[in-house]
Amino acid sequence: MTAGDPDAPEHIGLSLVLAAEAWERDFNARMVAAGHAVFGDARARVIRYVGRRGIDQSRLVALSGMTKQAVQAHLDSLEAEGLILRVPAKDDGRQKRV
């Protein structure tokens, strides 16, 4: 692309976002092809935030940009399939840790 090209991204940040989105689509397609069908579903978007140490469910809501209800529904289905586990948080039994 050259300067003045109407198809050129306006900022390097946009190029990075587009590259990340393309990588995610490719990753998800490869995971589905490898037999991990969950990566073809919207609920897979919450999985990206759950690291090896886990995450508080309220933090997951904040990071994902989804509503509390949407995250809850996704986590319910992921837990039903045995893909995640929710336990009470150590410091607050009302809070759940994924």
PDB file of N, CA and C in Angstrom:
ATOM      1  N   MET A   1       0.822  -1.168   0.000  1.00  0.00           N
ATOM      2  CA  MET A   1       0.000   0.000   0.000  1.00  0.00           C
ATOM      3  C   MET A   1       0.875   1.243   0.000  1.00  0.00           C
ATOM      4  N   THR A   2       0.364   2.251  -0.573  1.00  0.00           N
ATOM      5  CA  THR A   2       1.102   3.508  -0.629  1.00  0.00           C
ATOM      6  C   THR A   2       0.325   4.601   0.090  1.00  0.00           C
ATOM      7  N   ALA A   3       1.012   5.692   0.371  1.00  0.00           N
ATOM      8  CA  ALA A   3       0.360   6.826   1.014  1.00  0.00           C
ATOM      9  C   ALA A   3      -0.814   7.282   0.160  1.00  0.00           C
ATOM     10  N   GLY A   4      -1.922   7.580   0.802  1.00  0.00           N
ATOM     11  CA  GLY A   4      -3.103   8.016   0.080  1.00  0.00           C
ATOM     12  C   GLY A   4      -3.970   6.867  -0.406  1.00  0.00           C
ATOM     13  N   ASP A   5      -3.535   5.639  -0.205  1.00  0.00           N
ATOM     14  CA  ASP A   5      -4.308   4.459  -0.590  1.00  0.00           C
ATOM     15  C   ASP A   5      -5.552   4.380   0.298  1.00  0.00           C
ATOM     16  N   PRO A   6      -6.761   4.383  -0.269  1.00  0.00           N
ATOM     17  CA  PRO A   6      -7.966   4.360   0.558  1.00  0.00           C
ATOM     18  C   PRO A   6      -8.135   3.055   1.336  1.00  0.00           C
ATOM     19  N   ASP A   7      -7.456   1.994   0.924  1.00  0.00           N
ATOM     20  CA  ASP A   7      -7.535   0.712   1.627  1.00  0.00           C
ATOM     21  C   ASP A   7      -6.470   0.571   2.706  1.00  0.00           C
ATOM     22  N   ALA A   8      -5.599   1.554   2.815  1.00  0.00           N
ATOM     23  CA  ALA A   8      -4.514   1.487   3.802  1.00  0.00           C
ATOM     24  C   ALA A   8      -5.055   1.771   5.199  1.00  0.00           C
ATOM     25  N   PRO A   9      -4.606   0.983   6.192  1.00  0.00           N
ATOM     26  CA  PRO A   9      -5.010   1.285   7.565  1.00  0.00           C
ATOM     27  C   PRO A   9      -4.526   2.671   7.961  1.00  0.00           C
ATOM     28  N   GLU A  10      -5.288   3.330   8.816  1.00  0.00           N
ATOM     29  CA  GLU A  10      -4.935   4.676   9.230  1.00  0.00           C
ATOM     30  C   GLU A  10      -3.874   4.694  10.314  1.00  0.00           C
ATOM     31  N   HIS A  11      -3.672   3.570  10.992  1.00  0.00           N
ATOM     32  CA  HIS A  11      -2.750   3.549  12.117  1.00  0.00           C
ATOM     33  C   HIS A  11      -2.201   2.138  12.282  1.00  0.00           C
ATOM     34  N   ILE A  12      -0.980   2.028  12.769  1.00  0.00           N
ATOM     35  CA  ILE A  12      -0.375   0.715  12.977  1.00  0.00           C
ATOM     36  C   ILE A  12      -1.206  -0.132  13.937  1.00  0.00           C
ATOM     37  N   GLY A  13      -1.879   0.535  14.884  1.00  0.00           N
ATOM     38  CA  GLY A  13      -2.733  -0.186  15.831  1.00  0.00           C
ATOM     39  C   GLY A  13      -3.834  -0.950  15.125  1.00  0.00           C
ATOM     40  N   LEU A  14      -4.412  -0.347  14.091  1.00  0.00           N
ATOM     41  CA  LEU A  14      -5.453  -1.019  13.323  1.00  0.00           C
ATOM     42  C   LEU A  14      -4.884  -2.245  12.625  1.00  0.00           C
ATOM     43  N   SER A  15      -3.687  -2.128  12.091  1.00  0.00           N
ATOM     44  CA  SER A  15      -3.037  -3.274  11.439  1.00  0.00           C
ATOM     45  C   SER A  15      -2.832  -4.411  12.435  1.00  0.00           C
ATOM     46  N   LEU A  16      -2.443  -4.062  13.652  1.00  0.00           N
ATOM     47  CA  LEU A  16      -2.225  -5.080  14.681  1.00  0.00           C
ATOM     48  C   LEU A  16      -3.533  -5.763  15.071  1.00  0.00           C
ATOM     49  N   VAL A  17      -4.591  -4.996  15.220  1.00  0.00           N
ATOM     50  CA  VAL A  17      -5.893  -5.566  15.559  1.00  0.00           C
ATOM     51  C   VAL A  17      -6.360  -6.505  14.453  1.00  0.00           C
ATOM     52  N   LEU A  18      -6.238  -6.073  13.204  1.00  0.00           N
ATOM     53  CA  LEU A  18      -6.649  -6.910  12.079  1.00  0.00           C
ATOM     54  C   LEU A  18      -5.827  -8.190  12.000  1.00  0.00           C
ATOM     55  N   ALA A  19      -4.528  -8.089  12.289  1.00  0.00           N
ATOM     56  CA  ALA A  19      -3.672  -9.271  12.288  1.00  0.00           C
ATOM     57  C   ALA A  19      -4.068 -10.231  13.412  1.00  0.00           C
ATOM     58  N   ALA A  20      -4.360  -9.700  14.577  1.00  0.00           N
ATOM     59  CA  ALA A  20      -4.774 -10.528  15.708  1.00  0.00           C
ATOM     60  C   ALA A  20      -6.090 -11.238  15.409  1.00  0.00           C
ATOM     61  N   GLU A  21      -7.019 -10.529  14.794  1.00  0.00           N
ATOM     62  CA  GLU A  21      -8.301 -11.135  14.441  1.00  0.00           C
ATOM     63  C   GLU A  21      -8.121 -12.241  13.402  1.00  0.00           C
ATOM     64  N   ALA A  22      -7.260 -12.016  12.431  1.00  0.00           N
ATOM     65  CA  ALA A  22      -6.982 -13.034  11.414  1.00  0.00           C
ATOM     66  C   ALA A  22      -6.334 -14.257  12.055  1.00  0.00           C
ATOM     67  N   TRP A  23      -5.399 -14.028  12.975  1.00  0.00           N
ATOM     68  CA  TRP A  23      -4.747 -15.142  13.672  1.00  0.00           C
ATOM     69  C   TRP A  23      -5.779 -15.931  14.469  1.00  0.00           C
ATOM     70  N   GLU A  24      -6.682 -15.236  15.157  1.00  0.00           N
ATOM     71  CA  GLU A  24      -7.693 -15.913  15.965  1.00  0.00           C
ATOM     72  C   GLU A  24      -8.624 -16.761  15.095  1.00  0.00           C
ATOM     73  N   ARG A  25      -9.042 -16.238  13.957  1.00  0.00           N
ATOM     74  CA  ARG A  25      -9.889 -17.011  13.049  1.00  0.00           C
ATOM     75  C   ARG A  25      -9.169 -18.273  12.587  1.00  0.00           C
ATOM     76  N   ASP A  26      -7.888 -18.142  12.228  1.00  0.00           N
ATOM     77  CA  ASP A  26      -7.099 -19.290  11.782  1.00  0.00           C
ATOM     78  C   ASP A  26      -6.928 -20.302  12.922  1.00  0.00           C
ATOM     79  N   PHE A  27      -6.595 -19.817  14.109  1.00  0.00           N
ATOM     80  CA  PHE A  27      -6.428 -20.686  15.274  1.00  0.00           C
ATOM     81  C   PHE A  27      -7.711 -21.459  15.556  1.00  0.00           C
ATOM     82  N   ASN A  28      -8.839 -20.745  15.589  1.00  0.00           N
ATOM     83  CA  ASN A  28     -10.114 -21.392  15.879  1.00  0.00           C
ATOM     84  C   ASN A  28     -10.462 -22.431  14.825  1.00  0.00           C
ATOM     85  N   ALA A  29     -10.238 -22.108  13.568  1.00  0.00           N
ATOM     86  CA  ALA A  29     -10.519 -23.067  12.493  1.00  0.00           C
ATOM     87  C   ALA A  29      -9.662 -24.317  12.637  1.00  0.00           C
ATOM     88  N   ARG A  30      -8.400 -24.141  12.989  1.00  0.00           N
ATOM     89  CA  ARG A  30      -7.518 -25.296  13.168  1.00  0.00           C
ATOM     90  C   ARG A  30      -7.911 -26.129  14.391  1.00  0.00           C
ATOM     91  N   MET A  31      -8.349 -25.464  15.448  1.00  0.00           N
ATOM     92  CA  MET A  31      -8.791 -26.197  16.641  1.00  0.00           C
ATOM     93  C   MET A  31     -10.055 -27.004  16.340  1.00  0.00           C
ATOM     94  N   VAL A  32     -10.986 -26.404  15.600  1.00  0.00           N
ATOM     95  CA  VAL A  32     -12.198 -27.128  15.211  1.00  0.00           C
ATOM     96  C   VAL A  32     -11.826 -28.324  14.340  1.00  0.00           C
ATOM     97  N   ALA A  33     -10.931 -28.116  13.386  1.00  0.00           N
ATOM     98  CA  ALA A  33     -10.495 -29.205  12.506  1.00  0.00           C
ATOM     99  C   ALA A  33      -9.801 -30.321  13.283  1.00  0.00           C
ATOM    100  N   ALA A  34      -9.183 -29.965  14.401  1.00  0.00           N
ATOM    101  CA  ALA A  34      -8.489 -30.966  15.232  1.00  0.00           C
ATOM    102  C   ALA A  34      -9.442 -31.665  16.197  1.00  0.00           C
ATOM    103  N   GLY A  35     -10.728 -31.335  16.115  1.00  0.00           N
ATOM    104  CA  GLY A  35     -11.712 -32.017  16.943  1.00  0.00           C
ATOM    105  C   GLY A  35     -12.165 -31.274  18.180  1.00  0.00           C
ATOM    106  N   HIS A  36     -11.777 -30.027  18.306  1.00  0.00           N
ATOM    107  CA  HIS A  36     -12.170 -29.211  19.457  1.00  0.00           C
ATOM    108  C   HIS A  36     -13.267 -28.239  19.016  1.00  0.00           C
ATOM    109  N   ALA A  37     -14.472 -28.763  18.865  1.00  0.00           N
ATOM    110  CA  ALA A  37     -15.586 -28.008  18.289  1.00  0.00           C
ATOM    111  C   ALA A  37     -15.943 -26.749  19.068  1.00  0.00           C
ATOM    112  N   VAL A  38     -15.633 -26.721  20.351  1.00  0.00           N
ATOM    113  CA  VAL A  38     -15.972 -25.554  21.169  1.00  0.00           C
ATOM    114  C   VAL A  38     -15.366 -24.274  20.594  1.00  0.00           C
ATOM    115  N   PHE A  39     -14.244 -24.378  19.895  1.00  0.00           N
ATOM    116  CA  PHE A  39     -13.601 -23.189  19.345  1.00  0.00           C
ATOM    117  C   PHE A  39     -14.361 -22.607  18.161  1.00  0.00           C
ATOM    118  N   GLY A  40     -15.391 -23.282  17.722  1.00  0.00           N
ATOM    119  CA  GLY A  40     -16.253 -22.741  16.684  1.00  0.00           C
ATOM    120  C   GLY A  40     -17.431 -21.984  17.275  1.00  0.00           C
ATOM    121  N   ASP A  41     -17.535 -21.995  18.600  1.00  0.00           N
ATOM    122  CA  ASP A  41     -18.652 -21.357  19.300  1.00  0.00           C
ATOM    123  C   ASP A  41     -18.233 -20.028  19.918  1.00  0.00           C
ATOM    124  N   ALA A  42     -19.210 -19.161  20.132  1.00  0.00           N
ATOM    125  CA  ALA A  42     -18.955 -17.866  20.776  1.00  0.00           C
ATOM    126  C   ALA A  42     -18.417 -18.054  22.189  1.00  0.00           C
ATOM    127  N   ARG A  43     -18.825 -19.123  22.853  1.00  0.00           N
ATOM    128  CA  ARG A  43     -18.388 -19.331  24.235  1.00  0.00           C
ATOM    129  C   ARG A  43     -16.886 -19.547  24.363  1.00  0.00           C
ATOM    130  N   ALA A  44     -16.240 -19.854  23.282  1.00  0.00           N
ATOM    131  CA  ALA A  44     -14.784 -20.016  23.317  1.00  0.00           C
ATOM    132  C   ALA A  44     -14.084 -18.690  23.613  1.00  0.00           C
ATOM    133  N   ARG A  45     -14.781 -17.583  23.392  1.00  0.00           N
ATOM    134  CA  ARG A  45     -14.161 -16.273  23.638  1.00  0.00           C
ATOM    135  C   ARG A  45     -13.832 -16.072  25.116  1.00  0.00           C
ATOM    136  N   VAL A  46     -14.558 -16.743  26.016  1.00  0.00           N
ATOM    137  CA  VAL A  46     -14.233 -16.592  27.435  1.00  0.00           C
ATOM    138  C   VAL A  46     -13.033 -17.436  27.828  1.00  0.00           C
ATOM    139  N   ILE A  47     -12.765 -18.494  27.083  1.00  0.00           N
ATOM    140  CA  ILE A  47     -11.651 -19.391  27.409  1.00  0.00           C
ATOM    141  C   ILE A  47     -10.314 -18.656  27.348  1.00  0.00           C
ATOM    142  N   ARG A  48     -10.202 -17.700  26.447  1.00  0.00           N
ATOM    143  CA  ARG A  48      -8.926 -16.996  26.259  1.00  0.00           C
ATOM    144  C   ARG A  48      -8.446 -16.292  27.514  1.00  0.00           C
ATOM    145  N   TYR A  49      -9.353 -15.962  28.416  1.00  0.00           N
ATOM    146  CA  TYR A  49      -8.983 -15.214  29.615  1.00  0.00           C
ATOM    147  C   TYR A  49      -8.661 -16.112  30.809  1.00  0.00           C
ATOM    148  N   VAL A  50      -8.916 -17.397  30.681  1.00  0.00           N
ATOM    149  CA  VAL A  50      -8.689 -18.318  31.788  1.00  0.00           C
ATOM    150  C   VAL A  50      -7.285 -18.905  31.657  1.00  0.00           C
ATOM    151  N   GLY A  51      -6.390 -18.458  32.489  1.00  0.00           N
ATOM    152  CA  GLY A  51      -5.024 -18.963  32.453  1.00  0.00           C
ATOM    153  C   GLY A  51      -4.858 -20.183  33.351  1.00  0.00           C
ATOM    154  N   ARG A  52      -3.653 -20.628  33.503  1.00  0.00           N
ATOM    155  CA  ARG A  52      -3.368 -21.806  34.326  1.00  0.00           C
ATOM    156  C   ARG A  52      -3.739 -21.602  35.788  1.00  0.00           C
ATOM    157  N   ARG A  53      -3.663 -20.373  36.256  1.00  0.00           N
ATOM    158  CA  ARG A  53      -3.997 -20.083  37.657  1.00  0.00           C
ATOM    159  C   ARG A  53      -5.467 -19.769  37.840  1.00  0.00           C
ATOM    160  N   GLY A  54      -6.217 -19.683  36.753  1.00  0.00           N
ATOM    161  CA  GLY A  54      -7.625 -19.362  36.838  1.00  0.00           C
ATOM    162  C   GLY A  54      -7.862 -17.862  36.894  1.00  0.00           C
ATOM    163  N   ILE A  55      -9.125 -17.509  37.031  1.00  0.00           N
ATOM    164  CA  ILE A  55      -9.517 -16.104  37.053  1.00  0.00           C
ATOM    165  C   ILE A  55     -10.831 -15.996  37.811  1.00  0.00           C
ATOM    166  N   ASP A  56     -11.004 -14.905  38.534  1.00  0.00           N
ATOM    167  CA  ASP A  56     -12.285 -14.655  39.184  1.00  0.00           C
ATOM    168  C   ASP A  56     -13.335 -14.405  38.114  1.00  0.00           C
ATOM    169  N   GLN A  57     -14.518 -14.946  38.343  1.00  0.00           N
ATOM    170  CA  GLN A  57     -15.576 -14.804  37.348  1.00  0.00           C
ATOM    171  C   GLN A  57     -15.916 -13.342  37.090  1.00  0.00           C
ATOM    172  N   SER A  58     -15.893 -12.500  38.121  1.00  0.00           N
ATOM    173  CA  SER A  58     -16.190 -11.079  37.922  1.00  0.00           C
ATOM    174  C   SER A  58     -15.125 -10.412  37.050  1.00  0.00           C
ATOM    175  N   ARG A  59     -13.883 -10.813  37.199  1.00  0.00           N
ATOM    176  CA  ARG A  59     -12.795 -10.275  36.366  1.00  0.00           C
ATOM    177  C   ARG A  59     -12.985 -10.719  34.916  1.00  0.00           C
ATOM    178  N   LEU A  60     -13.433 -11.949  34.740  1.00  0.00           N
ATOM    179  CA  LEU A  60     -13.697 -12.484  33.407  1.00  0.00           C
ATOM    180  C   LEU A  60     -14.779 -11.665  32.706  1.00  0.00           C
ATOM    181  N   VAL A  61     -15.801 -11.282  33.451  1.00  0.00           N
ATOM    182  CA  VAL A  61     -16.859 -10.437  32.887  1.00  0.00           C
ATOM    183  C   VAL A  61     -16.257  -9.117  32.414  1.00  0.00           C
ATOM    184  N   ALA A  62     -15.441  -8.505  33.258  1.00  0.00           N
ATOM    185  CA  ALA A  62     -14.840  -7.212  32.912  1.00  0.00           C
ATOM    186  C   ALA A  62     -13.926  -7.311  31.692  1.00  0.00           C
ATOM    187  N   LEU A  63     -13.107  -8.329  31.633  1.00  0.00           N
ATOM    188  CA  LEU A  63     -12.152  -8.473  30.523  1.00  0.00           C
ATOM    189  C   LEU A  63     -12.830  -8.826  29.205  1.00  0.00           C
ATOM    190  N   SER A  64     -13.851  -9.646  29.273  1.00  0.00           N
ATOM    191  CA  SER A  64     -14.487 -10.136  28.042  1.00  0.00           C
ATOM    192  C   SER A  64     -15.362  -9.088  27.371  1.00  0.00           C
ATOM    193  N   GLY A  65     -15.840  -8.114  28.149  1.00  0.00           N
ATOM    194  CA  GLY A  65     -16.745  -7.121  27.578  1.00  0.00           C
ATOM    195  C   GLY A  65     -18.150  -7.656  27.378  1.00  0.00           C
ATOM    196  N   MET A  66     -18.403  -8.855  27.873  1.00  0.00           N
ATOM    197  CA  MET A  66     -19.730  -9.453  27.776  1.00  0.00           C
ATOM    198  C   MET A  66     -20.522  -9.124  29.038  1.00  0.00           C
ATOM    199  N   THR A  67     -21.820  -9.308  28.964  1.00  0.00           N
ATOM    200  CA  THR A  67     -22.636  -9.114  30.146  1.00  0.00           C
ATOM    201  C   THR A  67     -22.388 -10.245  31.133  1.00  0.00           C
ATOM    202  N   LYS A  68     -22.715  -9.979  32.389  1.00  0.00           N
ATOM    203  CA  LYS A  68     -22.591 -11.000  33.427  1.00  0.00           C
ATOM    204  C   LYS A  68     -23.416 -12.237  33.053  1.00  0.00           C
ATOM    205  N   GLN A  69     -24.601 -12.008  32.505  1.00  0.00           N
ATOM    206  CA  GLN A  69     -25.482 -13.103  32.131  1.00  0.00           C
ATOM    207  C   GLN A  69     -24.909 -13.936  30.987  1.00  0.00           C
ATOM    208  N   ALA A  70     -24.298 -13.281  30.009  1.00  0.00           N
ATOM    209  CA  ALA A  70     -23.710 -14.001  28.875  1.00  0.00           C
ATOM    210  C   ALA A  70     -22.526 -14.847  29.334  1.00  0.00           C
ATOM    211  N   VAL A  71     -21.666 -14.270  30.164  1.00  0.00           N
ATOM    212  CA  VAL A  71     -20.518 -15.020  30.679  1.00  0.00           C
ATOM    213  C   VAL A  71     -21.011 -16.204  31.499  1.00  0.00           C
ATOM    214  N   GLN A  72     -22.016 -15.980  32.338  1.00  0.00           N
ATOM    215  CA  GLN A  72     -22.575 -17.052  33.156  1.00  0.00           C
ATOM    216  C   GLN A  72     -23.080 -18.195  32.275  1.00  0.00           C
ATOM    217  N   ALA A  73     -23.808 -17.866  31.223  1.00  0.00           N
ATOM    218  CA  ALA A  73     -24.343 -18.892  30.317  1.00  0.00           C
ATOM    219  C   ALA A  73     -23.218 -19.658  29.632  1.00  0.00           C
ATOM    220  N   HIS A  74     -22.200 -18.957  29.168  1.00  0.00           N
ATOM    221  CA  HIS A  74     -21.068 -19.625  28.515  1.00  0.00           C
ATOM    222  C   HIS A  74     -20.341 -20.539  29.503  1.00  0.00           C
ATOM    223  N   LEU A  75     -20.118 -20.044  30.710  1.00  0.00           N
ATOM    224  CA  LEU A  75     -19.419 -20.847  31.712  1.00  0.00           C
ATOM    225  C   LEU A  75     -20.246 -22.061  32.120  1.00  0.00           C
ATOM    226  N   ASP A  76     -21.558 -21.892  32.222  1.00  0.00           N
ATOM    227  CA  ASP A  76     -22.423 -23.026  32.545  1.00  0.00           C
ATOM    228  C   ASP A  76     -22.252 -24.144  31.522  1.00  0.00           C
ATOM    229  N   SER A  77     -22.265 -23.781  30.237  1.00  0.00           N
ATOM    230  CA  SER A  77     -22.148 -24.811  29.196  1.00  0.00           C
ATOM    231  C   SER A  77     -20.750 -25.415  29.155  1.00  0.00           C
ATOM    232  N   LEU A  78     -19.722 -24.583  29.362  1.00  0.00           N
ATOM    233  CA  LEU A  78     -18.348 -25.104  29.367  1.00  0.00           C
ATOM    234  C   LEU A  78     -18.125 -26.036  30.563  1.00  0.00           C
ATOM    235  N   GLU A  79     -18.703 -25.675  31.698  1.00  0.00           N
ATOM    236  CA  GLU A  79     -18.564 -26.520  32.884  1.00  0.00           C
ATOM    237  C   GLU A  79     -19.329 -27.831  32.704  1.00  0.00           C
ATOM    238  N   ALA A  80     -20.516 -27.771  32.099  1.00  0.00           N
ATOM    239  CA  ALA A  80     -21.312 -28.979  31.855  1.00  0.00           C
ATOM    240  C   ALA A  80     -20.562 -29.976  30.977  1.00  0.00           C
ATOM    241  N   GLU A  81     -19.725 -29.455  30.089  1.00  0.00           N
ATOM    242  CA  GLU A  81     -18.934 -30.324  29.208  1.00  0.00           C
ATOM    243  C   GLU A  81     -17.595 -30.726  29.823  1.00  0.00           C
ATOM    244  N   GLY A  82     -17.309 -30.235  31.028  1.00  0.00           N
ATOM    245  CA  GLY A  82     -16.063 -30.580  31.694  1.00  0.00           C
ATOM    246  C   GLY A  82     -14.849 -29.821  31.189  1.00  0.00           C
ATOM    247  N   LEU A  83     -15.074 -28.708  30.496  1.00  0.00           N
ATOM    248  CA  LEU A  83     -13.965 -27.944  29.935  1.00  0.00           C
ATOM    249  C   LEU A  83     -13.390 -26.926  30.919  1.00  0.00           C
ATOM    250  N   ILE A  84     -14.189 -26.515  31.878  1.00  0.00           N
ATOM    251  CA  ILE A  84     -13.722 -25.615  32.942  1.00  0.00           C
ATOM    252  C   ILE A  84     -14.260 -26.124  34.268  1.00  0.00           C
ATOM    253  N   LEU A  85     -13.738 -25.562  35.338  1.00  0.00           N
ATOM    254  CA  LEU A  85     -14.204 -25.878  36.685  1.00  0.00           C
ATOM    255  C   LEU A  85     -14.341 -24.565  37.436  1.00  0.00           C
ATOM    256  N   ARG A  86     -15.444 -24.397  38.146  1.00  0.00           N
ATOM    257  CA  ARG A  86     -15.636 -23.215  38.984  1.00  0.00           C
ATOM    258  C   ARG A  86     -15.635 -23.639  40.445  1.00  0.00           C
ATOM    259  N   VAL A  87     -14.895 -22.896  41.245  1.00  0.00           N
ATOM    260  CA  VAL A  87     -14.795 -23.165  42.674  1.00  0.00           C
ATOM    261  C   VAL A  87     -14.970 -21.845  43.426  1.00  0.00           C
ATOM    262  N   PRO A  88     -15.374 -21.909  44.698  1.00  0.00           N
ATOM    263  CA  PRO A  88     -15.467 -20.667  45.467  1.00  0.00           C
ATOM    264  C   PRO A  88     -14.088 -20.021  45.605  1.00  0.00           C
ATOM    265  N   ALA A  89     -14.049 -18.703  45.509  1.00  0.00           N
ATOM    266  CA  ALA A  89     -12.793 -17.972  45.690  1.00  0.00           C
ATOM    267  C   ALA A  89     -12.359 -18.099  47.144  1.00  0.00           C
ATOM    268  N   LYS A  90     -11.059 -18.157  47.377  1.00  0.00           N
ATOM    269  CA  LYS A  90     -10.525 -18.341  48.724  1.00  0.00           C
ATOM    270  C   LYS A  90     -10.880 -17.194  49.657  1.00  0.00           C
ATOM    271  N   ASP A  91     -10.862 -15.974  49.142  1.00  0.00           N
ATOM    272  CA  ASP A  91     -11.075 -14.803  49.993  1.00  0.00           C
ATOM    273  C   ASP A  91     -12.535 -14.374  50.078  1.00  0.00           C
ATOM    274  N   ASP A  92     -13.412 -14.926  49.212  1.00  0.00           N
ATOM    275  CA  ASP A  92     -14.828 -14.550  49.211  1.00  0.00           C
ATOM    276  C   ASP A  92     -15.634 -15.711  48.665  1.00  0.00           C
ATOM    277  N   GLY A  93     -16.293 -16.432  49.555  1.00  0.00           N
ATOM    278  CA  GLY A  93     -17.044 -17.615  49.142  1.00  0.00           C
ATOM    279  C   GLY A  93     -18.188 -17.334  48.200  1.00  0.00           C
ATOM    280  N   ARG A  94     -18.637 -16.070  48.139  1.00  0.00           N
ATOM    281  CA  ARG A  94     -19.704 -15.714  47.195  1.00  0.00           C
ATOM    282  C   ARG A  94     -19.175 -15.616  45.770  1.00  0.00           C
ATOM    283  N   GLN A  95     -17.892 -15.312  45.647  1.00  0.00           N
ATOM    284  CA  GLN A  95     -17.251 -15.149  44.340  1.00  0.00           C
ATOM    285  C   GLN A  95     -16.810 -16.518  43.820  1.00  0.00           C
ATOM    286  N   LYS A  96     -16.864 -16.689  42.512  1.00  0.00           N
ATOM    287  CA  LYS A  96     -16.408 -17.932  41.889  1.00  0.00           C
ATOM    288  C   LYS A  96     -15.097 -17.705  41.172  1.00  0.00           C
ATOM    289  N   ARG A  97     -14.261 -18.714  41.215  1.00  0.00           N
ATOM    290  CA  ARG A  97     -12.987 -18.717  40.494  1.00  0.00           C
ATOM    291  C   ARG A  97     -13.096 -19.764  39.405  1.00  0.00           C
ATOM    292  N   VAL A  98     -12.758 -19.381  38.206  1.00  0.00           N
ATOM    293  CA  VAL A  98     -12.821 -20.296  37.046  1.00  0.00           C
ATOM    294  C   VAL A  98     -11.440 -20.903  36.866  1.00  0.00           C
TER     295      VAL A  98
END
